[in-house]
PDB file of N, CA and C in Angstrom:
ATOM      1  N   MET A   1      40.643 -56.548  -9.543  1.00  0.00           N
ATOM      2  CA  MET A   1      40.354 -55.600  -8.486  1.00  0.00           C
ATOM      3  C   MET A   1      41.484 -55.579  -7.461  1.00  0.00           C
ATOM      4  N   GLU A   2      41.979 -56.757  -7.109  1.00  0.00           N
ATOM      5  CA  GLU A   2      43.070 -56.830  -6.132  1.00  0.00           C
ATOM      6  C   GLU A   2      44.337 -56.155  -6.642  1.00  0.00           C
ATOM      7  N   ALA A   3      44.614 -56.303  -7.925  1.00  0.00           N
ATOM      8  CA  ALA A   3      45.805 -55.670  -8.505  1.00  0.00           C
ATOM      9  C   ALA A   3      45.688 -54.150  -8.416  1.00  0.00           C
ATOM     10  N   GLN A   4      44.510 -53.623  -8.690  1.00  0.00           N
ATOM     11  CA  GLN A   4      44.295 -52.180  -8.602  1.00  0.00           C
ATOM     12  C   GLN A   4      44.464 -51.698  -7.164  1.00  0.00           C
ATOM     13  N   GLN A   5      43.960 -52.449  -6.199  1.00  0.00           N
ATOM     14  CA  GLN A   5      44.101 -52.067  -4.796  1.00  0.00           C
ATOM     15  C   GLN A   5      45.570 -52.019  -4.388  1.00  0.00           C
ATOM     16  N   GLU A   6      46.354 -52.975  -4.856  1.00  0.00           N
ATOM     17  CA  GLU A   6      47.792 -52.986  -4.545  1.00  0.00           C
ATOM     18  C   GLU A   6      48.492 -51.786  -5.159  1.00  0.00           C
ATOM     19  N   ARG A   7      48.158 -51.433  -6.402  1.00  0.00           N
ATOM     20  CA  ARG A   7      48.753 -50.250  -7.039  1.00  0.00           C
ATOM     21  C   ARG A   7      48.391 -48.985  -6.266  1.00  0.00           C
ATOM     22  N   SER A   8      47.156 -48.916  -5.822  1.00  0.00           N
ATOM     23  CA  SER A   8      46.709 -47.750  -5.065  1.00  0.00           C
ATOM     24  C   SER A   8      47.444 -47.642  -3.739  1.00  0.00           C
ATOM     25  N   ARG A   9      47.580 -48.746  -3.028  1.00  0.00           N
ATOM     26  CA  ARG A   9      48.307 -48.740  -1.747  1.00  0.00           C
ATOM     27  C   ARG A   9      49.765 -48.351  -1.937  1.00  0.00           C
ATOM     28  N   ALA A  10      50.396 -48.875  -2.978  1.00  0.00           N
ATOM     29  CA  ALA A  10      51.801 -48.576  -3.233  1.00  0.00           C
ATOM     30  C   ALA A  10      51.987 -47.084  -3.518  1.00  0.00           C
ATOM     31  N   GLY A  11      51.097 -46.497  -4.288  1.00  0.00           N
ATOM     32  CA  GLY A  11      51.182 -45.065  -4.587  1.00  0.00           C
ATOM     33  C   GLY A  11      50.974 -44.215  -3.359  1.00  0.00           C
ATOM     34  N   SER A  12      50.052 -44.610  -2.497  1.00  0.00           N
ATOM     35  CA  SER A  12      49.778 -43.850  -1.274  1.00  0.00           C
ATOM     36  C   SER A  12      50.956 -43.898  -0.315  1.00  0.00           C
ATOM     37  N   LYS A  13      51.585 -45.047  -0.188  1.00  0.00           N
ATOM     38  CA  LYS A  13      52.728 -45.174   0.722  1.00  0.00           C
ATOM     39  C   LYS A  13      53.838 -44.217   0.324  1.00  0.00           C
ATOM     40  N   ASP A  14      54.127 -44.140  -0.959  1.00  0.00           N
ATOM     41  CA  ASP A  14      55.188 -43.249  -1.431  1.00  0.00           C
ATOM     42  C   ASP A  14      54.842 -41.786  -1.181  1.00  0.00           C
ATOM     43  N   MET A  15      53.586 -41.435  -1.358  1.00  0.00           N
ATOM     44  CA  MET A  15      53.189 -40.042  -1.194  1.00  0.00           C
ATOM     45  C   MET A  15      53.320 -39.593   0.257  1.00  0.00           C
ATOM     46  N   PHE A  16      52.916 -40.430   1.206  1.00  0.00           N
ATOM     47  CA  PHE A  16      52.886 -40.013   2.594  1.00  0.00           C
ATOM     48  C   PHE A  16      54.186 -40.261   3.354  1.00  0.00           C
ATOM     49  N   LYS A  17      55.123 -41.000   2.792  1.00  0.00           N
ATOM     50  CA  LYS A  17      56.377 -41.214   3.509  1.00  0.00           C
ATOM     51  C   LYS A  17      57.424 -40.148   3.180  1.00  0.00           C
ATOM     52  N   GLN A  18      57.090 -39.242   2.276  1.00  0.00           N
ATOM     53  CA  GLN A  18      58.009 -38.162   1.939  1.00  0.00           C
ATOM     54  C   GLN A  18      58.220 -37.280   3.163  1.00  0.00           C
ATOM     55  N   GLY A  19      59.458 -37.078   3.524  1.00  0.00           N
ATOM     56  CA  GLY A  19      59.754 -36.204   4.646  1.00  0.00           C
ATOM     57  C   GLY A  19      59.726 -34.750   4.201  1.00  0.00           C
ATOM     58  N   VAL A  20      58.665 -34.060   4.498  1.00  0.00           N
ATOM     59  CA  VAL A  20      58.508 -32.673   4.069  1.00  0.00           C
ATOM     60  C   VAL A  20      58.581 -31.782   5.298  1.00  0.00           C
ATOM     61  N   ASP A  21      59.510 -30.838   5.274  1.00  0.00           N
ATOM     62  CA  ASP A  21      59.631 -29.879   6.364  1.00  0.00           C
ATOM     63  C   ASP A  21      58.759 -28.680   6.032  1.00  0.00           C
ATOM     64  N   ARG A  22      57.574 -28.638   6.643  1.00  0.00           N
ATOM     65  CA  ARG A  22      56.637 -27.552   6.373  1.00  0.00           C
ATOM     66  C   ARG A  22      56.918 -26.313   7.213  1.00  0.00           C
ATOM     67  N   SER A  23      57.812 -26.413   8.164  1.00  0.00           N
ATOM     68  CA  SER A  23      58.059 -25.299   9.088  1.00  0.00           C
ATOM     69  C   SER A  23      58.543 -24.042   8.365  1.00  0.00           C
ATOM     70  N   LYS A  24      59.303 -24.192   7.301  1.00  0.00           N
ATOM     71  CA  LYS A  24      59.804 -23.012   6.604  1.00  0.00           C
ATOM     72  C   LYS A  24      58.695 -22.259   5.872  1.00  0.00           C
ATOM     73  N   TYR A  25      57.555 -22.911   5.640  1.00  0.00           N
ATOM     74  CA  TYR A  25      56.440 -22.269   4.955  1.00  0.00           C
ATOM     75  C   TYR A  25      55.511 -21.530   5.914  1.00  0.00           C
ATOM     76  N   VAL A  26      55.631 -21.793   7.206  1.00  0.00           N
ATOM     77  CA  VAL A  26      54.703 -21.207   8.175  1.00  0.00           C
ATOM     78  C   VAL A  26      55.391 -20.299   9.186  1.00  0.00           C
ATOM     79  N   GLU A  27      56.609 -19.912   8.912  1.00  0.00           N
ATOM     80  CA  GLU A  27      57.334 -19.033   9.833  1.00  0.00           C
ATOM     81  C   GLU A  27      56.577 -17.726  10.028  1.00  0.00           C
ATOM     82  N   GLY A  28      56.473 -17.291  11.276  1.00  0.00           N
ATOM     83  CA  GLY A  28      55.832 -16.033  11.598  1.00  0.00           C
ATOM     84  C   GLY A  28      54.314 -16.088  11.678  1.00  0.00           C
ATOM     85  N   MET A  29      53.733 -17.263  11.465  1.00  0.00           N
ATOM     86  CA  MET A  29      52.279 -17.385  11.527  1.00  0.00           C
ATOM     87  C   MET A  29      51.845 -17.741  12.943  1.00  0.00           C
ATOM     88  N   PRO A  30      50.695 -17.228  13.384  1.00  0.00           N
ATOM     89  CA  PRO A  30      50.209 -17.581  14.723  1.00  0.00           C
ATOM     90  C   PRO A  30      49.772 -19.049  14.750  1.00  0.00           C
ATOM     91  N   PRO A  31      49.843 -19.697  15.896  1.00  0.00           N
ATOM     92  CA  PRO A  31      49.398 -21.087  15.972  1.00  0.00           C
ATOM     93  C   PRO A  31      47.882 -21.188  15.776  1.00  0.00           C
ATOM     94  N   THR A  32      47.441 -22.305  15.219  1.00  0.00           N
ATOM     95  CA  THR A  32      46.014 -22.539  15.034  1.00  0.00           C
ATOM     96  C   THR A  32      45.393 -22.901  16.376  1.00  0.00           C
ATOM     97  N   LYS A  33      44.308 -22.229  16.719  1.00  0.00           N
ATOM     98  CA  LYS A  33      43.615 -22.487  17.985  1.00  0.00           C
ATOM     99  C   LYS A  33      42.717 -23.709  17.822  1.00  0.00           C
ATOM    100  N   PHE A  34      42.785 -24.641  18.774  1.00  0.00           N
ATOM    101  CA  PHE A  34      41.956 -25.841  18.748  1.00  0.00           C
ATOM    102  C   PHE A  34      40.707 -25.599  19.583  1.00  0.00           C
ATOM    103  N   SER A  35      39.528 -25.747  18.969  1.00  0.00           N
ATOM    104  CA  SER A  35      38.273 -25.502  19.671  1.00  0.00           C
ATOM    105  C   SER A  35      37.440 -26.773  19.848  1.00  0.00           C
ATOM    106  N   GLY A  36      38.000 -27.920  19.509  1.00  0.00           N
ATOM    107  CA  GLY A  36      37.254 -29.175  19.491  1.00  0.00           C
ATOM    108  C   GLY A  36      36.764 -29.684  20.825  1.00  0.00           C
ATOM    109  N   TYR A  37      37.358 -29.243  21.922  1.00  0.00           N
ATOM    110  CA  TYR A  37      36.882 -29.702  23.225  1.00  0.00           C
ATOM    111  C   TYR A  37      35.523 -29.096  23.564  1.00  0.00           C
ATOM    112  N   ASN A  38      35.259 -27.895  23.074  1.00  0.00           N
ATOM    113  CA  ASN A  38      34.025 -27.188  23.417  1.00  0.00           C
ATOM    114  C   ASN A  38      33.027 -27.089  22.274  1.00  0.00           C
ATOM    115  N   HIS A  39      33.510 -27.138  21.026  1.00  0.00           N
ATOM    116  CA  HIS A  39      32.628 -26.924  19.873  1.00  0.00           C
ATOM    117  C   HIS A  39      32.969 -27.916  18.769  1.00  0.00           C
ATOM    118  N   LEU A  40      31.943 -28.373  18.062  1.00  0.00           N
ATOM    119  CA  LEU A  40      32.163 -29.252  16.920  1.00  0.00           C
ATOM    120  C   LEU A  40      32.225 -28.474  15.613  1.00  0.00           C
ATOM    121  N   TYR A  41      31.859 -27.209  15.647  1.00  0.00           N
ATOM    122  CA  TYR A  41      31.948 -26.341  14.479  1.00  0.00           C
ATOM    123  C   TYR A  41      32.153 -24.906  14.958  1.00  0.00           C
ATOM    124  N   THR A  42      32.554 -24.057  14.050  1.00  0.00           N
ATOM    125  CA  THR A  42      32.742 -22.649  14.381  1.00  0.00           C
ATOM    126  C   THR A  42      32.525 -21.801  13.134  1.00  0.00           C
ATOM    127  N   ASP A  43      32.024 -20.598  13.322  1.00  0.00           N
ATOM    128  CA  ASP A  43      31.822 -19.674  12.211  1.00  0.00           C
ATOM    129  C   ASP A  43      32.983 -18.693  12.079  1.00  0.00           C
ATOM    130  N   GLU A  44      33.962 -18.796  12.941  1.00  0.00           N
ATOM    131  CA  GLU A  44      35.070 -17.850  12.984  1.00  0.00           C
ATOM    132  C   GLU A  44      36.293 -18.293  12.176  1.00  0.00           C
ATOM    133  N   VAL A  45      36.146 -19.302  11.363  1.00  0.00           N
ATOM    134  CA  VAL A  45      37.280 -19.866  10.628  1.00  0.00           C
ATOM    135  C   VAL A  45      37.741 -18.929   9.524  1.00  0.00           C
ATOM    136  N   LYS A  46      39.052 -18.721   9.471  1.00  0.00           N
ATOM    137  CA  LYS A  46      39.667 -17.948   8.390  1.00  0.00           C
ATOM    138  C   LYS A  46      40.833 -18.764   7.843  1.00  0.00           C
ATOM    139  N   LEU A  47      40.918 -18.860   6.546  1.00  0.00           N
ATOM    140  CA  LEU A  47      42.029 -19.535   5.895  1.00  0.00           C
ATOM    141  C   LEU A  47      43.211 -18.575   5.895  1.00  0.00           C
ATOM    142  N   LEU A  48      44.272 -18.944   6.606  1.00  0.00           N
ATOM    143  CA  LEU A  48      45.442 -18.069   6.711  1.00  0.00           C
ATOM    144  C   LEU A  48      46.449 -18.302   5.596  1.00  0.00           C
ATOM    145  N   LYS A  49      46.580 -19.568   5.195  1.00  0.00           N
ATOM    146  CA  LYS A  49      47.571 -19.872   4.161  1.00  0.00           C
ATOM    147  C   LYS A  49      47.178 -21.160   3.458  1.00  0.00           C
ATOM    148  N   ASP A  50      47.456 -21.204   2.167  1.00  0.00           N
ATOM    149  CA  ASP A  50      47.129 -22.344   1.325  1.00  0.00           C
ATOM    150  C   ASP A  50      48.310 -22.561   0.388  1.00  0.00           C
ATOM    151  N   PHE A  51      48.971 -23.717   0.482  1.00  0.00           N
ATOM    152  CA  PHE A  51      50.110 -23.987  -0.398  1.00  0.00           C
ATOM    153  C   PHE A  51      50.250 -25.479  -0.634  1.00  0.00           C
ATOM    154  N   GLU A  52      51.107 -25.834  -1.568  1.00  0.00           N
ATOM    155  CA  GLU A  52      51.333 -27.228  -1.922  1.00  0.00           C
ATOM    156  C   GLU A  52      52.815 -27.538  -1.810  1.00  0.00           C
ATOM    157  N   VAL A  53      53.125 -28.683  -1.202  1.00  0.00           N
ATOM    158  CA  VAL A  53      54.506 -29.127  -1.048  1.00  0.00           C
ATOM    159  C   VAL A  53      54.586 -30.575  -1.513  1.00  0.00           C
ATOM    160  N   ASN A  54      55.384 -30.832  -2.533  1.00  0.00           N
ATOM    161  CA  ASN A  54      55.564 -32.182  -3.081  1.00  0.00           C
ATOM    162  C   ASN A  54      54.241 -32.878  -3.356  1.00  0.00           C
ATOM    163  N   GLY A  55      53.299 -32.181  -3.936  1.00  0.00           N
ATOM    164  CA  GLY A  55      52.021 -32.769  -4.292  1.00  0.00           C
ATOM    165  C   GLY A  55      51.026 -32.883  -3.150  1.00  0.00           C
ATOM    166  N   GLN A  56      51.380 -32.409  -1.963  1.00  0.00           N
ATOM    167  CA  GLN A  56      50.471 -32.445  -0.818  1.00  0.00           C
ATOM    168  C   GLN A  56      49.955 -31.036  -0.552  1.00  0.00           C
ATOM    169  N   ARG A  57      48.643 -30.889  -0.467  1.00  0.00           N
ATOM    170  CA  ARG A  57      48.019 -29.599  -0.222  1.00  0.00           C
ATOM    171  C   ARG A  57      48.029 -29.325   1.278  1.00  0.00           C
ATOM    172  N   VAL A  58      48.428 -28.121   1.672  1.00  0.00           N
ATOM    173  CA  VAL A  58      48.481 -27.726   3.081  1.00  0.00           C
ATOM    174  C   VAL A  58      47.595 -26.496   3.267  1.00  0.00           C
ATOM    175  N   LEU A  59      46.635 -26.606   4.189  1.00  0.00           N
ATOM    176  CA  LEU A  59      45.743 -25.505   4.516  1.00  0.00           C
ATOM    177  C   LEU A  59      45.948 -25.143   5.975  1.00  0.00           C
ATOM    178  N   ILE A  60      46.128 -23.858   6.254  1.00  0.00           N
ATOM    179  CA  ILE A  60      46.329 -23.410   7.632  1.00  0.00           C
ATOM    180  C   ILE A  60      45.200 -22.456   7.999  1.00  0.00           C
ATOM    181  N   PHE A  61      44.521 -22.777   9.087  1.00  0.00           N
ATOM    182  CA  PHE A  61      43.383 -21.984   9.543  1.00  0.00           C
ATOM    183  C   PHE A  61      43.707 -21.323  10.873  1.00  0.00           C
ATOM    184  N   ASN A  62      42.938 -20.304  11.228  1.00  0.00           N
ATOM    185  CA  ASN A  62      43.156 -19.621  12.507  1.00  0.00           C
ATOM    186  C   ASN A  62      42.567 -20.424  13.667  1.00  0.00           C
ATOM    187  N   ILE A  63      41.484 -21.177  13.408  1.00  0.00           N
ATOM    188  CA  ILE A  63      40.820 -21.963  14.448  1.00  0.00           C
ATOM    189  C   ILE A  63      40.221 -23.212  13.802  1.00  0.00           C
ATOM    190  N   THR A  64      40.215 -24.320  14.527  1.00  0.00           N
ATOM    191  CA  THR A  64      39.641 -25.551  13.988  1.00  0.00           C
ATOM    192  C   THR A  64      39.162 -26.473  15.111  1.00  0.00           C
ATOM    193  N   PRO A  65      38.059 -27.200  14.885  1.00  0.00           N
ATOM    194  CA  PRO A  65      37.622 -28.210  15.840  1.00  0.00           C
ATOM    195  C   PRO A  65      38.218 -29.588  15.532  1.00  0.00           C
ATOM    196  N   LEU A  66      39.066 -29.669  14.507  1.00  0.00           N
ATOM    197  CA  LEU A  66      39.646 -30.937  14.072  1.00  0.00           C
ATOM    198  C   LEU A  66      41.107 -31.038  14.456  1.00  0.00           C
ATOM    199  N   TYR A  67      41.559 -32.254  14.701  1.00  0.00           N
ATOM    200  CA  TYR A  67      42.985 -32.491  14.923  1.00  0.00           C
ATOM    201  C   TYR A  67      43.697 -32.443  13.588  1.00  0.00           C
ATOM    202  N   GLY A  68      44.739 -31.658  13.483  1.00  0.00           N
ATOM    203  CA  GLY A  68      45.491 -31.550  12.242  1.00  0.00           C
ATOM    204  C   GLY A  68      46.539 -32.634  12.130  1.00  0.00           C
ATOM    205  N   GLU A  69      46.993 -32.857  10.934  1.00  0.00           N
ATOM    206  CA  GLU A  69      48.057 -33.831  10.686  1.00  0.00           C
ATOM    207  C   GLU A  69      49.252 -33.108  10.105  1.00  0.00           C
TER     208      GLU A  69
END
């Protein structure tokens, strides 16, 4: 079990340390509005863009109550 956990950690480190410049994929898009201070959910969410960069899925919404990464 410990060996599997180490393999999993090693794979995750490599995936997230990749320096990916996502700015070229979102040029001209409006900024996502943060609604988390006032609401924990919203019905006004629209998916503006969905793409993958180096195996990482990127979703861009018009409004969100969550902090993005």
